[in-house]
Amino acid sequence: PSQYQLLSLDSSLSVPVSAAFPIRPSISCWFLCSSVHRSLHYGLYNSLYEWFNPLYLADKKNNFTTQDFVLKKLLPELYDMVLSYKPELIWSDGDWEAPDTYWNSTEFLAWLYNDSPVKDVIVTNDRWGAGCYCKHGGYYNCADKYTPGELPKHKWEKCQSVDTQSWGYRRTMRLSELMDLPSIVQVRENPRTALIHPCTLVR
């Protein structure tokens, strides 16, 4: 959503991060590291929507009855991302404004799990369209800051920013506005299970 991307994809309308931050390592660096160190597994974050992309805004104005953004931008990038970088996990996001039928999620996921070069190892979350949360996915994110009352039967993850005020980058952020360590690693005990939330995200 920030309009900066770490991937070097020909189909993208976004600004490559290397153009704005030339000394920041790109995904290619991580790809190389994981190729050398086979015990290192890596995944990629991908936002389905882009807030200010004109193709997306036009589709949204049409109540998602058109798919110009999906067909011309999103899907080509998703396929390119998998073929070029072969991630073992895709952390999908930015899906909630439209149903999976708009995003063509089932088409892409069918290819990903059956025919892609990572079909035997790939893992995905549940953010592939409005209404998919906690229903479909290799593991569940459910809602942001999701905390189940008891241990779920399906693999799950808690997503929470260390910044208590925002998910984004803030130059005005203060130390007092960050979560403390006990809050980051929460352990909830009940008679049946202990829940540990290790997946707090820094964005």
N, C-alpha and C. Protein backbone atom coordinates (compact mmCIF):
# COMPACT_ATOMS: atom_id res chain seq x y z
N PRO A 1 0.80 -1.21 0.00
CA PRO A 1 0.00 0.00 0.00
C PRO A 1 0.83 1.27 0.00
N SER A 2 2.11 1.17 0.37
CA SER A 2 2.95 2.35 0.47
C SER A 2 3.45 2.83 -0.89
N GLN A 3 3.20 2.02 -1.95
CA GLN A 3 3.65 2.32 -3.30
C GLN A 3 5.14 2.05 -3.50
N TYR A 4 5.82 1.52 -2.51
CA TYR A 4 7.20 1.08 -2.68
C TYR A 4 7.22 -0.43 -2.72
N GLN A 5 8.04 -0.99 -3.57
CA GLN A 5 8.12 -2.43 -3.65
C GLN A 5 9.57 -2.88 -3.59
N LEU A 6 9.77 -4.05 -2.98
CA LEU A 6 11.10 -4.63 -2.91
C LEU A 6 11.38 -5.53 -4.10
N LEU A 7 10.35 -5.92 -4.83
CA LEU A 7 10.53 -6.81 -5.96
C LEU A 7 10.89 -6.03 -7.22
N SER A 8 11.66 -6.65 -8.08
CA SER A 8 11.99 -6.05 -9.37
C SER A 8 11.11 -6.71 -10.42
N LEU A 9 9.92 -6.17 -10.63
CA LEU A 9 8.96 -6.76 -11.55
C LEU A 9 8.63 -5.78 -12.66
N ASP A 10 8.67 -6.27 -13.89
CA ASP A 10 8.43 -5.40 -15.04
C ASP A 10 6.99 -4.89 -15.09
N SER A 11 6.05 -5.64 -14.51
CA SER A 11 4.63 -5.29 -14.62
C SER A 11 4.19 -4.25 -13.61
N SER A 12 5.05 -3.86 -12.69
CA SER A 12 4.61 -3.02 -11.58
C SER A 12 4.52 -1.55 -11.96
N LEU A 13 3.49 -0.88 -11.40
CA LEU A 13 3.36 0.57 -11.51
C LEU A 13 3.96 1.25 -10.30
N SER A 14 4.36 0.47 -9.31
CA SER A 14 4.91 1.03 -8.08
C SER A 14 6.34 1.49 -8.27
N VAL A 15 6.83 2.27 -7.33
CA VAL A 15 8.20 2.75 -7.37
C VAL A 15 9.11 1.71 -6.74
N PRO A 16 10.11 1.18 -7.47
CA PRO A 16 11.03 0.23 -6.84
C PRO A 16 11.71 0.87 -5.65
N VAL A 17 11.82 0.13 -4.57
CA VAL A 17 12.40 0.69 -3.36
C VAL A 17 13.84 1.13 -3.60
N SER A 18 14.52 0.47 -4.55
CA SER A 18 15.91 0.82 -4.83
C SER A 18 16.03 2.23 -5.40
N ALA A 19 14.95 2.73 -6.02
CA ALA A 19 15.00 4.08 -6.57
C ALA A 19 14.97 5.14 -5.48
N ALA A 20 14.31 4.82 -4.37
CA ALA A 20 14.21 5.78 -3.27
C ALA A 20 15.26 5.53 -2.19
N PHE A 21 15.59 4.25 -1.98
CA PHE A 21 16.55 3.88 -0.94
C PHE A 21 17.59 2.94 -1.55
N PRO A 22 18.55 3.48 -2.31
CA PRO A 22 19.46 2.63 -3.08
C PRO A 22 20.34 1.71 -2.25
N ILE A 23 20.54 1.99 -0.96
CA ILE A 23 21.41 1.12 -0.18
C ILE A 23 20.63 0.09 0.62
N ARG A 24 19.30 0.11 0.52
CA ARG A 24 18.50 -0.87 1.23
C ARG A 24 18.52 -2.19 0.47
N PRO A 25 18.75 -3.33 1.15
CA PRO A 25 18.82 -4.60 0.44
C PRO A 25 17.48 -4.97 -0.18
N SER A 26 17.52 -5.55 -1.35
CA SER A 26 16.30 -5.95 -2.04
C SER A 26 15.99 -7.40 -1.74
N ILE A 27 14.86 -7.87 -2.26
CA ILE A 27 14.47 -9.26 -2.09
C ILE A 27 15.50 -10.18 -2.71
N SER A 28 16.18 -9.72 -3.77
CA SER A 28 17.19 -10.55 -4.42
C SER A 28 18.27 -10.99 -3.44
N CYS A 29 18.60 -10.11 -2.50
CA CYS A 29 19.60 -10.44 -1.48
C CYS A 29 19.12 -11.60 -0.62
N TRP A 30 17.86 -11.53 -0.17
CA TRP A 30 17.31 -12.61 0.66
C TRP A 30 17.21 -13.90 -0.15
N PHE A 31 16.84 -13.77 -1.42
CA PHE A 31 16.74 -14.94 -2.28
C PHE A 31 18.09 -15.62 -2.41
N LEU A 32 19.15 -14.84 -2.58
CA LEU A 32 20.49 -15.39 -2.68
C LEU A 32 20.90 -16.08 -1.39
N CYS A 33 20.61 -15.44 -0.26
CA CYS A 33 20.97 -16.02 1.04
C CYS A 33 20.29 -17.36 1.26
N SER A 34 19.01 -17.45 0.91
CA SER A 34 18.29 -18.70 1.13
C SER A 34 18.75 -19.78 0.17
N SER A 35 19.28 -19.38 -1.00
CA SER A 35 19.81 -20.36 -1.94
C SER A 35 21.10 -20.97 -1.43
N VAL A 36 21.90 -20.15 -0.75
CA VAL A 36 23.17 -20.63 -0.21
C VAL A 36 22.95 -21.43 1.07
N HIS A 37 22.08 -20.94 1.93
CA HIS A 37 21.81 -21.60 3.21
C HIS A 37 20.45 -22.30 3.10
N ARG A 38 20.47 -23.57 2.77
CA ARG A 38 19.24 -24.29 2.48
C ARG A 38 18.32 -24.43 3.69
N SER A 39 18.85 -24.23 4.89
CA SER A 39 17.99 -24.33 6.07
C SER A 39 17.21 -23.03 6.31
N LEU A 40 17.53 -22.00 5.54
CA LEU A 40 16.84 -20.72 5.67
C LEU A 40 15.63 -20.68 4.74
N HIS A 41 14.47 -20.49 5.32
CA HIS A 41 13.24 -20.42 4.55
C HIS A 41 12.73 -18.98 4.59
N TYR A 42 12.17 -18.51 3.51
CA TYR A 42 11.69 -17.14 3.51
C TYR A 42 10.35 -17.03 2.79
N GLY A 43 9.62 -16.00 3.16
CA GLY A 43 8.35 -15.72 2.52
C GLY A 43 8.28 -14.27 2.10
N LEU A 44 7.25 -13.93 1.36
CA LEU A 44 7.07 -12.57 0.87
C LEU A 44 5.70 -12.04 1.24
N TYR A 45 5.66 -10.77 1.62
CA TYR A 45 4.41 -10.06 1.89
C TYR A 45 3.90 -9.48 0.58
N ASN A 46 2.60 -9.57 0.36
CA ASN A 46 2.02 -8.96 -0.83
C ASN A 46 0.66 -8.37 -0.50
N SER A 47 0.49 -7.10 -0.78
CA SER A 47 -0.81 -6.46 -0.62
C SER A 47 -1.58 -6.59 -1.92
N LEU A 48 -2.77 -7.16 -1.85
CA LEU A 48 -3.57 -7.32 -3.05
C LEU A 48 -3.97 -5.98 -3.64
N TYR A 49 -4.37 -5.06 -2.80
CA TYR A 49 -4.79 -3.77 -3.33
C TYR A 49 -3.70 -2.71 -3.17
N GLU A 50 -3.83 -1.65 -3.95
CA GLU A 50 -2.99 -0.46 -3.80
C GLU A 50 -3.94 0.72 -3.69
N TRP A 51 -3.86 1.42 -2.58
CA TRP A 51 -4.82 2.48 -2.27
C TRP A 51 -5.01 3.49 -3.39
N PHE A 52 -3.91 3.89 -4.04
CA PHE A 52 -3.98 5.01 -4.98
C PHE A 52 -3.80 4.59 -6.44
N ASN A 53 -3.77 3.31 -6.71
CA ASN A 53 -3.60 2.85 -8.08
C ASN A 53 -4.86 3.21 -8.88
N PRO A 54 -4.71 3.92 -10.00
CA PRO A 54 -5.90 4.36 -10.76
C PRO A 54 -6.74 3.20 -11.28
N LEU A 55 -6.11 2.09 -11.61
CA LEU A 55 -6.88 0.93 -12.07
C LEU A 55 -7.73 0.37 -10.95
N TYR A 56 -7.15 0.31 -9.75
CA TYR A 56 -7.91 -0.19 -8.60
C TYR A 56 -9.06 0.76 -8.25
N LEU A 57 -8.79 2.04 -8.26
CA LEU A 57 -9.82 3.02 -7.93
C LEU A 57 -10.97 2.97 -8.93
N ALA A 58 -10.65 2.72 -10.20
CA ALA A 58 -11.71 2.60 -11.22
C ALA A 58 -12.55 1.36 -10.98
N ASP A 59 -11.90 0.24 -10.66
CA ASP A 59 -12.66 -0.98 -10.34
C ASP A 59 -13.54 -0.78 -9.12
N LYS A 60 -13.00 -0.11 -8.11
CA LYS A 60 -13.77 0.15 -6.89
C LYS A 60 -14.98 1.03 -7.19
N LYS A 61 -14.79 2.02 -8.04
CA LYS A 61 -15.90 2.91 -8.42
C LYS A 61 -16.99 2.13 -9.14
N ASN A 62 -16.59 1.07 -9.84
CA ASN A 62 -17.54 0.22 -10.55
C ASN A 62 -18.07 -0.91 -9.67
N ASN A 63 -17.91 -0.76 -8.36
CA ASN A 63 -18.36 -1.78 -7.39
C ASN A 63 -17.74 -3.15 -7.67
N PHE A 64 -16.51 -3.12 -8.16
CA PHE A 64 -15.72 -4.33 -8.42
C PHE A 64 -16.37 -5.25 -9.45
N THR A 65 -17.15 -4.66 -10.35
CA THR A 65 -17.70 -5.43 -11.47
C THR A 65 -16.71 -5.51 -12.62
N THR A 66 -15.67 -4.69 -12.58
CA THR A 66 -14.56 -4.76 -13.54
C THR A 66 -13.32 -5.25 -12.80
N GLN A 67 -12.36 -5.78 -13.54
CA GLN A 67 -11.15 -6.36 -12.94
C GLN A 67 -9.88 -5.88 -13.62
N ASP A 68 -9.87 -4.67 -14.09
CA ASP A 68 -8.68 -4.17 -14.79
C ASP A 68 -7.44 -4.21 -13.90
N PHE A 69 -7.57 -3.82 -12.66
CA PHE A 69 -6.43 -3.83 -11.74
C PHE A 69 -5.92 -5.25 -11.52
N VAL A 70 -6.83 -6.18 -11.33
CA VAL A 70 -6.45 -7.58 -11.07
C VAL A 70 -5.76 -8.19 -12.28
N LEU A 71 -6.35 -8.02 -13.45
CA LEU A 71 -5.85 -8.68 -14.65
C LEU A 71 -4.60 -8.02 -15.22
N LYS A 72 -4.49 -6.71 -15.08
CA LYS A 72 -3.36 -6.00 -15.68
C LYS A 72 -2.20 -5.78 -14.72
N LYS A 73 -2.46 -5.83 -13.42
CA LYS A 73 -1.41 -5.50 -12.46
C LYS A 73 -1.18 -6.60 -11.42
N LEU A 74 -2.24 -6.95 -10.67
CA LEU A 74 -2.06 -7.87 -9.54
C LEU A 74 -1.62 -9.27 -9.95
N LEU A 75 -2.41 -9.93 -10.79
CA LEU A 75 -2.08 -11.31 -11.15
C LEU A 75 -0.75 -11.44 -11.87
N PRO A 76 -0.43 -10.58 -12.85
CA PRO A 76 0.90 -10.69 -13.46
C PRO A 76 2.02 -10.58 -12.44
N GLU A 77 1.87 -9.70 -11.44
CA GLU A 77 2.90 -9.56 -10.42
C GLU A 77 2.98 -10.78 -9.52
N LEU A 78 1.83 -11.34 -9.15
CA LEU A 78 1.83 -12.52 -8.29
C LEU A 78 2.53 -13.70 -8.97
N TYR A 79 2.17 -13.96 -10.22
CA TYR A 79 2.81 -15.06 -10.95
C TYR A 79 4.30 -14.79 -11.12
N ASP A 80 4.64 -13.57 -11.47
CA ASP A 80 6.04 -13.19 -11.65
C ASP A 80 6.81 -13.35 -10.35
N MET A 81 6.20 -12.95 -9.24
CA MET A 81 6.84 -13.05 -7.93
C MET A 81 7.18 -14.50 -7.59
N VAL A 82 6.23 -15.39 -7.82
CA VAL A 82 6.46 -16.81 -7.51
C VAL A 82 7.50 -17.41 -8.44
N LEU A 83 7.41 -17.13 -9.72
CA LEU A 83 8.34 -17.71 -10.68
C LEU A 83 9.75 -17.15 -10.52
N SER A 84 9.86 -15.89 -10.15
CA SER A 84 11.18 -15.26 -10.04
C SER A 84 11.87 -15.55 -8.71
N TYR A 85 11.10 -15.57 -7.63
CA TYR A 85 11.71 -15.63 -6.30
C TYR A 85 11.40 -16.91 -5.53
N LYS A 86 10.42 -17.67 -5.98
CA LYS A 86 10.07 -18.96 -5.38
C LYS A 86 9.95 -18.90 -3.85
N PRO A 87 9.10 -18.04 -3.33
CA PRO A 87 8.92 -17.96 -1.88
C PRO A 87 8.24 -19.22 -1.35
N GLU A 88 8.53 -19.55 -0.11
CA GLU A 88 7.90 -20.71 0.51
C GLU A 88 6.69 -20.31 1.35
N LEU A 89 6.48 -19.02 1.49
CA LEU A 89 5.30 -18.50 2.18
C LEU A 89 4.88 -17.20 1.50
N ILE A 90 3.59 -17.04 1.30
CA ILE A 90 3.05 -15.77 0.82
C ILE A 90 2.12 -15.22 1.88
N TRP A 91 2.45 -14.04 2.39
CA TRP A 91 1.64 -13.38 3.41
C TRP A 91 0.79 -12.34 2.69
N SER A 92 -0.43 -12.75 2.36
CA SER A 92 -1.34 -11.89 1.60
C SER A 92 -2.04 -10.90 2.52
N ASP A 93 -2.34 -9.72 2.00
CA ASP A 93 -2.98 -8.67 2.79
C ASP A 93 -3.74 -7.75 1.85
N GLY A 94 -4.46 -6.78 2.40
CA GLY A 94 -5.14 -5.78 1.59
C GLY A 94 -6.27 -6.33 0.75
N ASP A 95 -6.99 -7.30 1.29
CA ASP A 95 -8.01 -7.99 0.51
C ASP A 95 -9.44 -7.60 0.86
N TRP A 96 -9.63 -6.91 1.98
CA TRP A 96 -10.95 -6.84 2.63
C TRP A 96 -11.99 -5.99 1.91
N GLU A 97 -11.60 -5.18 0.96
CA GLU A 97 -12.59 -4.32 0.30
C GLU A 97 -13.39 -5.05 -0.78
N ALA A 98 -12.90 -6.21 -1.21
CA ALA A 98 -13.56 -6.91 -2.32
C ALA A 98 -13.55 -8.42 -2.08
N PRO A 99 -14.49 -9.15 -2.67
CA PRO A 99 -14.54 -10.60 -2.49
C PRO A 99 -13.43 -11.31 -3.26
N ASP A 100 -13.22 -12.57 -2.93
CA ASP A 100 -12.18 -13.36 -3.60
C ASP A 100 -12.44 -13.48 -5.09
N THR A 101 -13.72 -13.40 -5.50
CA THR A 101 -14.03 -13.50 -6.93
C THR A 101 -13.47 -12.31 -7.71
N TYR A 102 -13.38 -11.14 -7.07
CA TYR A 102 -12.76 -9.99 -7.72
C TYR A 102 -11.26 -10.21 -7.86
N TRP A 103 -10.62 -10.69 -6.81
CA TRP A 103 -9.16 -10.86 -6.82
C TRP A 103 -8.72 -12.07 -7.65
N ASN A 104 -9.66 -12.92 -8.06
CA ASN A 104 -9.32 -14.18 -8.73
C ASN A 104 -8.41 -15.04 -7.85
N SER A 105 -8.67 -15.02 -6.56
CA SER A 105 -7.82 -15.73 -5.61
C SER A 105 -7.81 -17.23 -5.84
N THR A 106 -8.98 -17.82 -6.10
CA THR A 106 -9.03 -19.27 -6.25
C THR A 106 -8.23 -19.73 -7.47
N GLU A 107 -8.27 -18.94 -8.53
CA GLU A 107 -7.49 -19.28 -9.73
C GLU A 107 -5.99 -19.26 -9.42
N PHE A 108 -5.53 -18.20 -8.77
CA PHE A 108 -4.11 -18.11 -8.45
C PHE A 108 -3.70 -19.19 -7.46
N LEU A 109 -4.49 -19.40 -6.41
CA LEU A 109 -4.12 -20.39 -5.39
C LEU A 109 -4.14 -21.81 -5.94
N ALA A 110 -5.06 -22.10 -6.86
CA ALA A 110 -5.08 -23.43 -7.50
C ALA A 110 -3.77 -23.66 -8.25
N TRP A 111 -3.32 -22.65 -8.99
CA TRP A 111 -2.04 -22.77 -9.68
C TRP A 111 -0.89 -22.88 -8.69
N LEU A 112 -0.93 -22.07 -7.64
CA LEU A 112 0.15 -22.04 -6.65
C LEU A 112 0.34 -23.40 -6.00
N TYR A 113 -0.75 -24.04 -5.60
CA TYR A 113 -0.67 -25.30 -4.87
C TYR A 113 -0.57 -26.54 -5.76
N ASN A 114 -0.90 -26.40 -7.06
CA ASN A 114 -0.90 -27.57 -7.94
C ASN A 114 0.15 -27.56 -9.03
N ASP A 115 0.50 -26.39 -9.54
CA ASP A 115 1.37 -26.33 -10.71
C ASP A 115 2.59 -25.43 -10.58
N SER A 116 2.67 -24.64 -9.54
CA SER A 116 3.79 -23.70 -9.41
C SER A 116 5.07 -24.41 -9.00
N PRO A 117 6.23 -23.77 -9.16
CA PRO A 117 7.49 -24.39 -8.76
C PRO A 117 7.63 -24.58 -7.25
N VAL A 118 6.73 -23.98 -6.46
CA VAL A 118 6.80 -24.14 -5.00
C VAL A 118 5.60 -24.93 -4.48
N LYS A 119 4.94 -25.67 -5.33
CA LYS A 119 3.69 -26.35 -4.96
C LYS A 119 3.86 -27.33 -3.79
N ASP A 120 5.05 -27.88 -3.61
CA ASP A 120 5.25 -28.88 -2.55
C ASP A 120 5.62 -28.27 -1.21
N VAL A 121 5.91 -26.98 -1.18
CA VAL A 121 6.37 -26.36 0.07
C VAL A 121 5.60 -25.10 0.46
N ILE A 122 4.80 -24.56 -0.44
CA ILE A 122 4.19 -23.25 -0.21
C ILE A 122 3.19 -23.26 0.95
N VAL A 123 3.17 -22.16 1.69
CA VAL A 123 2.20 -21.94 2.76
C VAL A 123 1.63 -20.54 2.57
N THR A 124 0.33 -20.40 2.78
CA THR A 124 -0.30 -19.09 2.67
C THR A 124 -1.20 -18.83 3.88
N ASN A 125 -1.51 -17.56 4.07
CA ASN A 125 -2.44 -17.19 5.14
C ASN A 125 -3.87 -17.14 4.59
N ASP A 126 -4.76 -16.45 5.30
CA ASP A 126 -6.18 -16.48 4.95
C ASP A 126 -6.72 -15.16 4.41
N ARG A 127 -5.85 -14.28 3.95
CA ARG A 127 -6.31 -12.96 3.49
C ARG A 127 -6.35 -12.90 1.96
N TRP A 128 -7.38 -13.51 1.41
CA TRP A 128 -7.50 -13.61 -0.04
C TRP A 128 -8.84 -13.10 -0.55
N GLY A 129 -9.58 -12.38 0.27
CA GLY A 129 -10.85 -11.82 -0.14
C GLY A 129 -11.76 -11.62 1.06
N ALA A 130 -12.66 -10.66 0.95
CA ALA A 130 -13.59 -10.39 2.04
C ALA A 130 -14.36 -11.65 2.40
N GLY A 131 -14.38 -11.99 3.68
CA GLY A 131 -15.09 -13.18 4.14
C GLY A 131 -14.24 -14.42 4.23
N CYS A 132 -12.98 -14.35 3.82
CA CYS A 132 -12.10 -15.53 3.86
C CYS A 132 -11.41 -15.71 5.21
N TYR A 133 -11.36 -14.65 6.01
CA TYR A 133 -10.64 -14.72 7.29
C TYR A 133 -11.15 -15.89 8.13
N CYS A 134 -10.23 -16.62 8.73
CA CYS A 134 -10.55 -17.72 9.65
C CYS A 134 -11.34 -18.85 8.98
N LYS A 135 -11.33 -18.90 7.65
CA LYS A 135 -12.06 -19.95 6.94
C LYS A 135 -11.17 -20.73 5.98
N HIS A 136 -10.33 -20.02 5.25
CA HIS A 136 -9.50 -20.65 4.23
C HIS A 136 -8.07 -20.16 4.37
N GLY A 137 -7.12 -21.08 4.20
CA GLY A 137 -5.71 -20.71 4.27
C GLY A 137 -4.88 -21.76 4.97
N GLY A 138 -3.60 -21.80 4.65
CA GLY A 138 -2.70 -22.74 5.32
C GLY A 138 -2.63 -22.48 6.81
N TYR A 139 -2.70 -21.21 7.16
CA TYR A 139 -2.82 -20.82 8.57
C TYR A 139 -3.68 -19.57 8.63
N TYR A 140 -4.26 -19.32 9.80
CA TYR A 140 -5.20 -18.22 9.95
C TYR A 140 -4.56 -17.02 10.63
N ASN A 141 -4.80 -15.83 10.06
CA ASN A 141 -4.53 -14.57 10.75
C ASN A 141 -5.79 -14.07 11.43
N CYS A 142 -6.92 -14.41 10.81
CA CYS A 142 -8.22 -13.86 11.23
C CYS A 142 -8.11 -12.34 11.22
N ALA A 143 -8.59 -11.67 12.23
CA ALA A 143 -8.49 -10.21 12.27
C ALA A 143 -7.15 -9.79 12.85
N ASP A 144 -6.76 -8.54 12.60
CA ASP A 144 -5.56 -8.01 13.26
C ASP A 144 -5.75 -8.11 14.77
N LYS A 145 -4.67 -8.44 15.46
CA LYS A 145 -4.66 -8.57 16.92
C LYS A 145 -5.57 -9.71 17.40
N TYR A 146 -5.78 -10.69 16.53
CA TYR A 146 -6.63 -11.84 16.87
C TYR A 146 -6.04 -12.62 18.03
N THR A 147 -6.85 -12.82 19.06
CA THR A 147 -6.44 -13.60 20.23
C THR A 147 -7.54 -14.61 20.54
N PRO A 148 -7.34 -15.87 20.19
CA PRO A 148 -8.39 -16.87 20.44
C PRO A 148 -8.53 -17.16 21.93
N GLY A 149 -9.73 -17.51 22.32
CA GLY A 149 -9.98 -17.82 23.72
C GLY A 149 -9.44 -19.18 24.13
N GLU A 150 -9.27 -20.06 23.15
CA GLU A 150 -8.68 -21.37 23.41
C GLU A 150 -7.86 -21.75 22.19
N LEU A 151 -7.02 -22.75 22.32
CA LEU A 151 -6.12 -23.13 21.24
C LEU A 151 -6.91 -23.60 20.03
N PRO A 152 -6.81 -22.92 18.90
CA PRO A 152 -7.55 -23.34 17.70
C PRO A 152 -7.02 -24.66 17.16
N LYS A 153 -7.87 -25.37 16.45
CA LYS A 153 -7.45 -26.63 15.84
C LYS A 153 -6.61 -26.38 14.58
N HIS A 154 -6.80 -25.22 13.97
CA HIS A 154 -6.06 -24.87 12.75
C HIS A 154 -4.86 -23.99 13.11
N LYS A 155 -3.78 -24.11 12.37
CA LYS A 155 -2.61 -23.26 12.60
C LYS A 155 -3.02 -21.79 12.51
N TRP A 156 -2.43 -20.96 13.37
CA TRP A 156 -2.84 -19.56 13.43
C TRP A 156 -1.66 -18.67 13.79
N GLU A 157 -1.88 -17.38 13.62
CA GLU A 157 -0.86 -16.38 13.90
C GLU A 157 -1.54 -15.12 14.42
N LYS A 158 -0.91 -14.48 15.37
CA LYS A 158 -1.41 -13.18 15.83
C LYS A 158 -0.60 -12.08 15.17
N CYS A 159 -1.28 -11.15 14.53
CA CYS A 159 -0.61 -10.04 13.86
C CYS A 159 -0.84 -8.77 14.65
N GLN A 160 0.22 -8.17 15.09
CA GLN A 160 0.10 -6.95 15.87
C GLN A 160 1.35 -6.10 15.69
N SER A 161 1.15 -4.82 15.48
CA SER A 161 2.28 -3.91 15.35
C SER A 161 2.85 -3.60 16.73
N VAL A 162 4.17 -3.45 16.80
CA VAL A 162 4.81 -3.06 18.05
C VAL A 162 4.41 -1.63 18.42
N ASP A 163 4.15 -0.81 17.41
CA ASP A 163 3.65 0.55 17.62
C ASP A 163 2.17 0.46 17.98
N THR A 164 1.80 0.95 19.14
CA THR A 164 0.41 0.85 19.58
C THR A 164 -0.52 1.85 18.89
N GLN A 165 0.05 2.79 18.14
CA GLN A 165 -0.75 3.85 17.52
C GLN A 165 -0.98 3.65 16.03
N SER A 166 -0.13 2.86 15.38
CA SER A 166 -0.21 2.79 13.92
C SER A 166 0.44 1.53 13.40
N TRP A 167 0.01 1.11 12.19
CA TRP A 167 0.68 0.02 11.47
C TRP A 167 1.77 0.57 10.55
N GLY A 168 1.79 1.86 10.35
CA GLY A 168 2.74 2.47 9.42
C GLY A 168 3.96 3.05 10.10
N TYR A 169 4.82 3.61 9.27
CA TYR A 169 6.04 4.26 9.77
C TYR A 169 5.70 5.67 10.24
N ARG A 170 6.10 6.02 11.46
CA ARG A 170 5.82 7.36 12.00
C ARG A 170 7.12 7.99 12.50
N ARG A 171 7.47 9.12 11.94
CA ARG A 171 8.66 9.84 12.41
C ARG A 171 8.47 10.39 13.81
N THR A 172 7.23 10.60 14.21
CA THR A 172 6.94 11.19 15.52
C THR A 172 6.73 10.15 16.61
N MET A 173 6.97 8.89 16.30
CA MET A 173 6.74 7.82 17.27
C MET A 173 7.62 8.00 18.50
N ARG A 174 7.04 7.75 19.68
CA ARG A 174 7.78 7.85 20.94
C ARG A 174 7.94 6.48 21.56
N LEU A 175 8.99 6.32 22.34
CA LEU A 175 9.27 5.05 22.98
C LEU A 175 8.11 4.59 23.85
N SER A 176 7.45 5.52 24.49
CA SER A 176 6.33 5.19 25.38
C SER A 176 5.13 4.64 24.61
N GLU A 177 5.13 4.81 23.28
CA GLU A 177 4.02 4.32 22.47
C GLU A 177 4.27 2.93 21.90
N LEU A 178 5.41 2.34 22.24
CA LEU A 178 5.72 0.99 21.81
C LEU A 178 5.28 -0.03 22.86
N MET A 179 4.95 -1.23 22.41
CA MET A 179 4.61 -2.29 23.35
C MET A 179 5.84 -2.68 24.15
N ASP A 180 5.65 -3.00 25.43
CA ASP A 180 6.77 -3.50 26.22
C ASP A 180 6.89 -5.01 26.01
N LEU A 181 7.99 -5.59 26.47
CA LEU A 181 8.26 -7.00 26.22
C LEU A 181 7.16 -7.92 26.75
N PRO A 182 6.68 -7.72 27.98
CA PRO A 182 5.59 -8.60 28.44
C PRO A 182 4.35 -8.54 27.57
N SER A 183 4.10 -7.38 26.96
CA SER A 183 2.94 -7.26 26.08
C SER A 183 3.18 -7.96 24.74
N ILE A 184 4.42 -7.92 24.29
CA ILE A 184 4.75 -8.56 23.01
C ILE A 184 4.62 -10.08 23.12
N VAL A 185 5.20 -10.64 24.16
CA VAL A 185 5.14 -12.09 24.35
C VAL A 185 4.09 -12.36 25.42
N GLN A 186 2.87 -12.48 24.99
CA GLN A 186 1.78 -12.71 25.92
C GLN A 186 1.57 -14.21 26.09
N VAL A 187 1.43 -14.62 27.29
CA VAL A 187 1.12 -16.01 27.57
C VAL A 187 -0.20 -16.05 28.32
N ARG A 188 -1.17 -16.70 27.74
CA ARG A 188 -2.47 -16.82 28.38
C ARG A 188 -2.67 -18.27 28.78
N GLU A 189 -2.87 -18.49 30.05
CA GLU A 189 -3.05 -19.86 30.52
C GLU A 189 -4.52 -20.11 30.85
N ASN A 190 -4.96 -21.27 30.49
CA ASN A 190 -6.27 -21.72 30.93
C ASN A 190 -6.15 -23.20 31.24
N PRO A 191 -7.16 -23.84 31.75
CA PRO A 191 -7.03 -25.24 32.15
C PRO A 191 -6.61 -26.18 31.03
N ARG A 192 -6.84 -25.79 29.77
CA ARG A 192 -6.57 -26.72 28.69
C ARG A 192 -5.30 -26.42 27.91
N THR A 193 -4.88 -25.19 27.89
CA THR A 193 -3.75 -24.86 27.01
C THR A 193 -3.09 -23.55 27.42
N ALA A 194 -1.91 -23.33 26.91
CA ALA A 194 -1.24 -22.04 27.05
C ALA A 194 -1.04 -21.48 25.65
N LEU A 195 -1.41 -20.24 25.46
CA LEU A 195 -1.28 -19.61 24.15
C LEU A 195 -0.13 -18.63 24.16
N ILE A 196 0.77 -18.77 23.21
CA ILE A 196 1.90 -17.86 23.09
C ILE A 196 1.78 -17.15 21.75
N HIS A 197 1.97 -15.86 21.76
CA HIS A 197 1.83 -15.06 20.55
C HIS A 197 3.20 -14.55 20.12
N PRO A 198 3.94 -15.32 19.33
CA PRO A 198 5.31 -14.91 18.98
C PRO A 198 5.40 -14.11 17.70
N CYS A 199 4.30 -13.87 17.01
CA CYS A 199 4.38 -13.34 15.65
C CYS A 199 4.07 -11.86 15.56
N THR A 200 4.35 -11.11 16.60
CA THR A 200 4.15 -9.67 16.54
C THR A 200 5.03 -9.09 15.44
N LEU A 201 4.46 -8.21 14.64
CA LEU A 201 5.16 -7.69 13.47
C LEU A 201 5.64 -6.27 13.68
N VAL A 202 6.81 -5.98 13.17
CA VAL A 202 7.31 -4.61 13.11
C VAL A 202 7.22 -4.20 11.66
N ARG A 203 6.50 -3.11 11.38
CA ARG A 203 6.35 -2.67 9.99
C ARG A 203 6.94 -1.30 9.84
